[in-house]
N, C-alpha and C. Protein backbone atom coordinates (compact mmCIF):
# COMPACT_ATOMS: atom_id res chain seq x y z
N MET A 1 -19.62 -22.25 -4.72
CA MET A 1 -19.46 -20.71 -5.09
C MET A 1 -17.67 -20.67 -5.21
N ILE A 2 -17.35 -20.19 -6.17
CA ILE A 2 -15.86 -19.59 -6.37
C ILE A 2 -15.51 -18.33 -6.38
N PHE A 3 -14.62 -17.68 -6.16
CA PHE A 3 -14.30 -16.38 -6.32
C PHE A 3 -12.82 -16.12 -6.52
N THR A 4 -12.69 -15.14 -7.32
CA THR A 4 -11.49 -14.45 -7.79
C THR A 4 -11.68 -12.92 -7.10
N VAL A 5 -10.15 -12.91 -6.91
CA VAL A 5 -9.86 -11.20 -6.53
C VAL A 5 -9.89 -10.46 -7.77
N GLY A 6 -10.90 -9.49 -7.66
CA GLY A 6 -10.87 -8.80 -8.90
C GLY A 6 -10.44 -7.08 -9.06
N GLU A 7 -10.58 -6.29 -9.36
CA GLU A 7 -10.04 -4.53 -9.06
C GLU A 7 -9.92 -4.64 -7.53
N ILE A 8 -9.11 -3.73 -6.97
CA ILE A 8 -9.05 -3.35 -5.31
C ILE A 8 -9.02 -1.93 -5.45
N ASN A 9 -10.40 -1.46 -4.89
CA ASN A 9 -10.46 -0.41 -4.93
C ASN A 9 -9.90 0.35 -3.20
N ILE A 10 -9.15 1.37 -3.63
CA ILE A 10 -8.15 2.45 -2.84
C ILE A 10 -9.23 3.73 -2.72
N MET A 11 -10.03 4.27 -1.39
CA MET A 11 -10.48 5.29 -1.33
C MET A 11 -9.34 6.23 -0.60
N ALA A 12 -9.21 7.49 -0.99
CA ALA A 12 -7.93 8.33 -0.87
C ALA A 12 -8.66 10.04 0.04
N THR A 13 -7.67 10.32 0.36
CA THR A 13 -8.39 11.77 0.81
C THR A 13 -7.46 12.75 -0.16
N ASP A 14 -6.78 12.01 -0.73
CA ASP A 14 -5.76 13.21 -1.51
C ASP A 14 -5.16 12.60 -2.61
N LEU A 15 -5.62 12.48 -3.66
CA LEU A 15 -5.10 11.67 -5.20
C LEU A 15 -3.89 12.17 -5.22
N GLN A 16 -3.28 12.88 -5.50
CA GLN A 16 -2.40 13.46 -6.27
C GLN A 16 -1.21 12.76 -4.90
N ARG A 17 -1.37 12.92 -3.40
CA ARG A 17 -0.31 12.61 -2.35
C ARG A 17 0.00 11.26 -2.52
N SER A 18 -1.58 10.01 -2.65
CA SER A 18 -1.66 8.94 -2.47
C SER A 18 -1.26 8.22 -3.87
N LEU A 19 -1.58 9.27 -4.92
CA LEU A 19 -0.70 8.52 -6.18
C LEU A 19 0.61 8.54 -6.44
N GLY A 20 1.44 9.54 -5.54
CA GLY A 20 2.71 9.65 -5.61
C GLY A 20 3.37 8.24 -4.59
N PHE A 21 2.63 7.88 -3.70
CA PHE A 21 2.94 6.82 -2.78
C PHE A 21 2.88 5.57 -3.63
N TYR A 22 1.85 5.01 -3.96
CA TYR A 22 1.47 4.01 -5.16
C TYR A 22 2.51 4.03 -6.13
N THR A 23 2.85 5.34 -6.75
CA THR A 23 3.56 4.70 -7.85
C THR A 23 5.17 5.02 -7.69
N ASN A 24 5.98 5.73 -7.00
CA ASN A 24 7.16 6.29 -6.73
C ASN A 24 7.48 5.06 -5.13
N VAL A 25 6.51 5.26 -4.13
CA VAL A 25 7.34 3.65 -3.09
C VAL A 25 6.98 2.57 -3.02
N LEU A 26 5.62 2.26 -3.61
CA LEU A 26 5.53 0.98 -4.03
C LEU A 26 5.23 0.36 -5.73
N GLY A 27 5.59 1.46 -6.49
CA GLY A 27 5.79 0.93 -8.04
C GLY A 27 4.87 0.74 -8.65
N PHE A 28 3.53 0.91 -8.41
CA PHE A 28 2.80 0.63 -9.38
C PHE A 28 2.27 1.44 -10.61
N LYS A 29 1.82 0.71 -11.21
CA LYS A 29 1.50 1.75 -12.94
C LYS A 29 1.04 2.26 -13.13
N ILE A 30 0.43 3.16 -13.57
CA ILE A 30 -0.23 3.86 -13.88
C ILE A 30 -1.24 3.34 -15.42
N LYS A 31 -2.34 3.07 -15.45
CA LYS A 31 -2.79 2.33 -16.76
C LYS A 31 -3.94 3.57 -17.40
N GLU A 32 -4.72 4.28 -16.38
CA GLU A 32 -5.55 5.23 -16.93
C GLU A 32 -5.70 6.41 -15.64
N ARG A 33 -6.00 7.28 -16.11
CA ARG A 33 -6.31 8.56 -15.23
C ARG A 33 -8.19 9.00 -15.69
N GLY A 34 -8.67 9.19 -14.72
CA GLY A 34 -9.99 10.37 -14.92
C GLY A 34 -10.44 10.88 -13.96
N ASP A 35 -11.69 11.43 -13.70
CA ASP A 35 -11.74 12.74 -13.10
C ASP A 35 -12.30 11.97 -11.75
N GLY A 36 -10.98 12.03 -10.71
CA GLY A 36 -11.09 11.79 -9.44
C GLY A 36 -10.96 9.83 -8.97
N TYR A 37 -10.19 9.73 -10.01
CA TYR A 37 -9.80 8.20 -9.88
C TYR A 37 -8.27 7.85 -10.85
N VAL A 38 -7.83 6.90 -10.88
CA VAL A 38 -6.48 6.36 -11.27
C VAL A 38 -6.46 5.01 -11.35
N HIS A 39 -6.76 4.22 -12.29
CA HIS A 39 -6.41 2.84 -12.57
C HIS A 39 -4.86 2.41 -12.38
N LEU A 40 -4.78 1.47 -11.61
CA LEU A 40 -3.15 1.07 -11.38
C LEU A 40 -3.36 -0.23 -11.59
N ASP A 41 -1.56 -0.79 -12.12
CA ASP A 41 -1.88 -1.81 -12.21
C ASP A 41 -0.34 -2.44 -11.28
N CYS A 42 -0.35 -3.64 -10.53
CA CYS A 42 0.73 -4.08 -9.75
C CYS A 42 1.22 -5.61 -10.13
N ASN A 43 1.74 -5.57 -10.82
CA ASN A 43 1.90 -6.78 -11.57
C ASN A 43 0.80 -7.88 -12.10
N GLY A 44 -0.01 -7.24 -12.48
CA GLY A 44 -1.55 -7.80 -13.15
C GLY A 44 -2.47 -7.61 -12.15
N GLN A 45 -2.45 -7.27 -10.75
CA GLN A 45 -3.52 -6.69 -10.01
C GLN A 45 -4.15 -5.43 -10.27
N PRO A 46 -5.04 -5.37 -11.01
CA PRO A 46 -5.82 -4.03 -11.33
C PRO A 46 -5.92 -3.76 -9.62
N PHE A 47 -5.67 -2.10 -9.71
CA PHE A 47 -6.13 -1.49 -8.41
C PHE A 47 -6.96 -0.14 -8.91
N THR A 48 -7.99 0.88 -8.03
CA THR A 48 -8.01 2.11 -8.85
C THR A 48 -7.87 2.88 -7.58
N LEU A 49 -7.84 3.67 -7.33
CA LEU A 49 -7.34 4.64 -6.41
C LEU A 49 -8.41 5.91 -6.61
N PHE A 50 -9.41 6.40 -5.81
CA PHE A 50 -10.19 7.15 -5.75
C PHE A 50 -9.93 8.13 -4.55
N GLU A 51 -10.52 9.42 -5.34
CA GLU A 51 -10.26 10.19 -4.31
C GLU A 51 -11.44 10.91 -3.80
N PHE A 52 -12.29 10.53 -2.60
CA PHE A 52 -13.77 10.56 -2.28
C PHE A 52 -13.56 10.44 -0.53
N ALA A 53 -12.60 10.17 -0.11
CA ALA A 53 -12.57 9.72 1.57
C ALA A 53 -12.64 11.32 2.57
N LYS A 54 -13.61 11.45 2.84
CA LYS A 54 -13.48 12.58 3.85
C LYS A 54 -12.46 12.81 4.85
N GLU A 55 -11.45 11.57 5.32
CA GLU A 55 -10.58 12.09 6.16
C GLU A 55 -10.02 10.70 6.49
N GLY A 56 -8.88 10.92 6.61
CA GLY A 56 -7.80 9.15 7.00
C GLY A 56 -8.19 9.05 8.23
N PHE A 57 -7.74 7.86 8.76
CA PHE A 57 -7.65 7.47 10.02
C PHE A 57 -6.49 8.37 10.85
N LYS A 58 -6.68 8.52 11.71
CA LYS A 58 -6.08 9.49 12.58
C LYS A 58 -5.79 8.78 13.82
N ASN A 59 -4.63 8.74 14.51
CA ASN A 59 -4.21 8.09 16.01
C ASN A 59 -4.74 6.60 16.10
N TYR A 60 -4.62 5.86 15.55
CA TYR A 60 -4.99 4.59 15.88
C TYR A 60 -3.96 3.77 15.32
N THR A 61 -4.25 2.30 16.08
CA THR A 61 -3.02 1.39 16.23
C THR A 61 -3.61 0.30 15.44
N TYR A 62 -2.69 -0.11 14.19
CA TYR A 62 -2.96 -1.27 13.40
C TYR A 62 -3.68 -2.46 14.10
N GLY A 63 -4.63 -2.67 13.85
CA GLY A 63 -5.65 -3.74 14.39
C GLY A 63 -6.88 -3.20 15.24
N ASP A 64 -6.91 -2.07 15.69
CA ASP A 64 -7.85 -1.29 16.71
C ASP A 64 -9.03 -1.23 15.75
N LEU A 65 -9.17 -0.77 14.38
CA LEU A 65 -10.26 -0.75 13.80
C LEU A 65 -10.45 -2.10 12.60
N PRO A 66 -11.82 -2.24 12.50
CA PRO A 66 -11.80 -3.52 11.14
C PRO A 66 -11.23 -2.62 10.44
N ALA A 67 -10.71 -3.74 9.52
CA ALA A 67 -10.14 -3.19 8.30
C ALA A 67 -9.38 -4.67 7.05
N ILE A 68 -9.19 -4.29 6.03
CA ILE A 68 -8.28 -5.11 5.00
C ILE A 68 -7.08 -4.84 5.06
N SER A 69 -6.32 -5.60 5.67
CA SER A 69 -5.01 -5.38 5.17
C SER A 69 -4.39 -5.99 3.71
N LEU A 70 -3.52 -5.19 3.08
CA LEU A 70 -2.71 -6.33 1.94
C LEU A 70 -1.64 -6.60 1.99
N ASP A 71 -1.20 -8.05 1.66
CA ASP A 71 -0.01 -8.13 1.55
C ASP A 71 0.77 -8.37 0.48
N LEU A 72 1.95 -7.79 0.17
CA LEU A 72 2.94 -7.39 -0.93
C LEU A 72 3.96 -8.26 -0.75
N THR A 73 4.14 -9.39 -1.64
CA THR A 73 5.88 -10.21 -1.63
C THR A 73 6.83 -9.19 -2.25
N VAL A 74 8.17 -9.50 -1.59
CA VAL A 74 9.50 -8.89 -2.21
C VAL A 74 10.18 -9.70 -2.19
N ASP A 75 11.29 -9.69 -3.16
CA ASP A 75 12.44 -10.70 -3.31
C ASP A 75 13.62 -10.07 -2.14
N ASP A 76 13.59 -9.23 -2.13
CA ASP A 76 14.76 -8.59 -0.67
C ASP A 76 13.86 -7.73 0.17
N LEU A 77 13.69 -8.09 1.38
CA LEU A 77 12.67 -7.05 1.93
C LEU A 77 13.89 -5.75 3.01
N GLU A 78 15.09 -6.41 2.80
CA GLU A 78 15.88 -5.47 3.31
C GLU A 78 16.09 -4.65 2.62
N GLU A 79 16.19 -4.74 1.17
CA GLU A 79 16.42 -3.11 0.30
C GLU A 79 14.96 -2.58 0.31
N ILE A 80 14.24 -3.43 0.58
CA ILE A 80 12.70 -2.63 0.29
C ILE A 80 12.42 -1.82 1.45
N VAL A 81 12.77 -2.05 2.46
CA VAL A 81 12.79 -1.47 3.75
C VAL A 81 13.93 -0.08 3.57
N LYS A 82 14.91 -0.14 3.08
CA LYS A 82 15.98 0.67 2.86
C LYS A 82 15.30 2.05 1.97
N HIS A 83 14.34 1.09 0.94
CA HIS A 83 13.92 1.98 -0.19
C HIS A 83 13.04 2.98 0.69
N PHE A 84 11.90 2.12 1.84
CA PHE A 84 11.09 2.83 2.45
C PHE A 84 11.37 3.94 3.09
N ILE A 85 12.46 3.72 4.06
CA ILE A 85 13.31 5.03 4.74
C ILE A 85 13.58 6.08 3.93
N LYS A 86 14.14 6.07 2.89
CA LYS A 86 14.80 6.83 1.84
C LYS A 86 13.15 7.55 1.62
N PHE A 87 11.83 7.18 1.47
CA PHE A 87 10.90 8.17 0.91
C PHE A 87 10.06 8.43 2.15
N ASN A 88 10.63 8.34 3.57
CA ASN A 88 9.85 8.54 4.91
C ASN A 88 8.84 7.78 5.02
N VAL A 89 8.90 6.67 4.70
CA VAL A 89 6.98 5.55 4.84
C VAL A 89 7.16 5.44 6.39
N ALA A 90 5.95 5.60 6.73
CA ALA A 90 5.70 5.51 8.18
C ALA A 90 5.49 3.40 8.31
N PHE A 91 6.05 3.12 9.24
CA PHE A 91 5.94 1.83 9.49
C PHE A 91 5.07 1.61 10.96
N VAL A 92 4.11 1.05 10.97
CA VAL A 92 3.71 0.09 11.91
C VAL A 92 4.54 0.06 13.26
N GLN A 93 5.45 -0.75 12.87
CA GLN A 93 6.35 -1.25 13.86
C GLN A 93 7.64 -1.08 13.75
N ASP A 94 8.81 -1.48 14.21
CA ASP A 94 10.41 -0.96 13.81
C ASP A 94 10.75 -2.40 12.67
N TRP A 95 11.35 -2.59 12.00
CA TRP A 95 11.75 -3.80 11.22
C TRP A 95 12.73 -3.88 11.75
N LYS A 96 13.36 -4.81 12.05
CA LYS A 96 14.81 -5.31 12.49
C LYS A 96 15.36 -6.79 11.52
N PRO A 97 16.65 -6.51 11.02
CA PRO A 97 17.40 -7.43 10.38
C PRO A 97 17.23 -8.82 10.53
N GLY A 98 16.33 -9.65 9.98
CA GLY A 98 16.12 -11.05 10.02
C GLY A 98 15.01 -10.87 10.15
N ASP A 99 14.00 -9.89 10.38
CA ASP A 99 12.56 -10.12 10.13
C ASP A 99 12.05 -10.89 8.59
N THR A 100 10.92 -11.34 8.85
CA THR A 100 10.81 -11.62 7.22
C THR A 100 9.58 -11.19 6.76
N HIS A 101 8.97 -10.28 7.94
CA HIS A 101 7.59 -9.32 7.09
C HIS A 101 7.94 -7.71 7.88
N THR A 102 7.36 -6.86 7.39
CA THR A 102 6.88 -5.61 8.08
C THR A 102 6.00 -5.09 7.59
N TYR A 103 5.03 -4.21 8.44
CA TYR A 103 4.04 -3.53 7.95
C TYR A 103 4.12 -1.98 7.73
N ILE A 104 3.70 -1.50 6.40
CA ILE A 104 3.67 0.32 6.45
C ILE A 104 2.36 0.53 6.51
N TYR A 105 1.94 2.10 6.51
CA TYR A 105 0.91 3.28 6.15
C TYR A 105 1.28 3.44 4.86
N ASP A 106 0.08 3.55 4.13
CA ASP A 106 -0.26 4.51 2.89
C ASP A 106 -0.18 5.99 3.76
N PRO A 107 -0.56 6.83 2.77
CA PRO A 107 -0.79 8.17 3.07
C PRO A 107 -1.93 8.59 4.52
N ASP A 108 -2.71 7.55 3.90
CA ASP A 108 -4.05 7.67 4.85
C ASP A 108 -4.38 6.43 5.92
N ARG A 109 -2.85 6.01 6.17
CA ARG A 109 -2.81 4.83 6.86
C ARG A 109 -3.43 3.72 7.06
N LEU A 110 -3.59 3.01 5.22
CA LEU A 110 -4.28 2.15 5.32
C LEU A 110 -2.75 1.20 5.37
N VAL A 111 -2.97 -0.11 5.68
CA VAL A 111 -1.58 -0.98 6.48
C VAL A 111 -1.47 -1.99 4.72
N PHE A 112 -0.14 -2.26 4.76
CA PHE A 112 0.65 -3.05 3.80
C PHE A 112 1.21 -3.77 4.58
N GLU A 113 1.24 -5.11 4.19
CA GLU A 113 2.37 -6.59 5.02
C GLU A 113 3.03 -6.43 4.05
N ILE A 114 4.59 -6.31 4.36
CA ILE A 114 5.22 -6.48 3.18
C ILE A 114 6.49 -7.78 3.78
N ILE A 115 5.80 -9.21 2.68
CA ILE A 115 6.70 -10.31 3.24
C ILE A 115 7.64 -10.70 2.01
N GLN A 116 8.85 -11.10 2.82
CA GLN A 116 9.82 -11.52 2.04
C GLN A 116 9.63 -12.85 1.51
N LYS A 117 9.74 -12.85 0.19
CA LYS A 117 9.27 -14.42 -0.43
C LYS A 117 10.34 -15.01 -0.08
N GLU A 118 9.87 -16.90 0.30
CA GLU A 118 10.77 -17.84 0.68
C GLU A 118 11.63 -18.17 -0.81
N HIS A 119 12.82 -18.09 -0.59
CA HIS A 119 13.45 -18.64 -1.81
C HIS A 119 13.84 -20.52 -1.75
């Protein structure tokens, strides 16, 4: 069997708050809005943001609970970290210059690993 990744669904507690994060902070593009959902695009990868989660993760450390985290690659990690700081994005751990990756939380504490592309 051969699998390919299709749409990635994100369950949020607050659609507008999460939509602001995914569009303003991560740069995803809105493709379509519906009642309780928004279709997004991240460089050709489709995502759908749904608003029906009852509550977000609270007071847990990354890796404590079963989960899937997504990796996003970037050309200039240092610039992206500055961008995240400007938007008050929560980091899983402090980033130090020279690190090739960092981890951030979305508004519901879902984790993204941000990785420096190899040049």
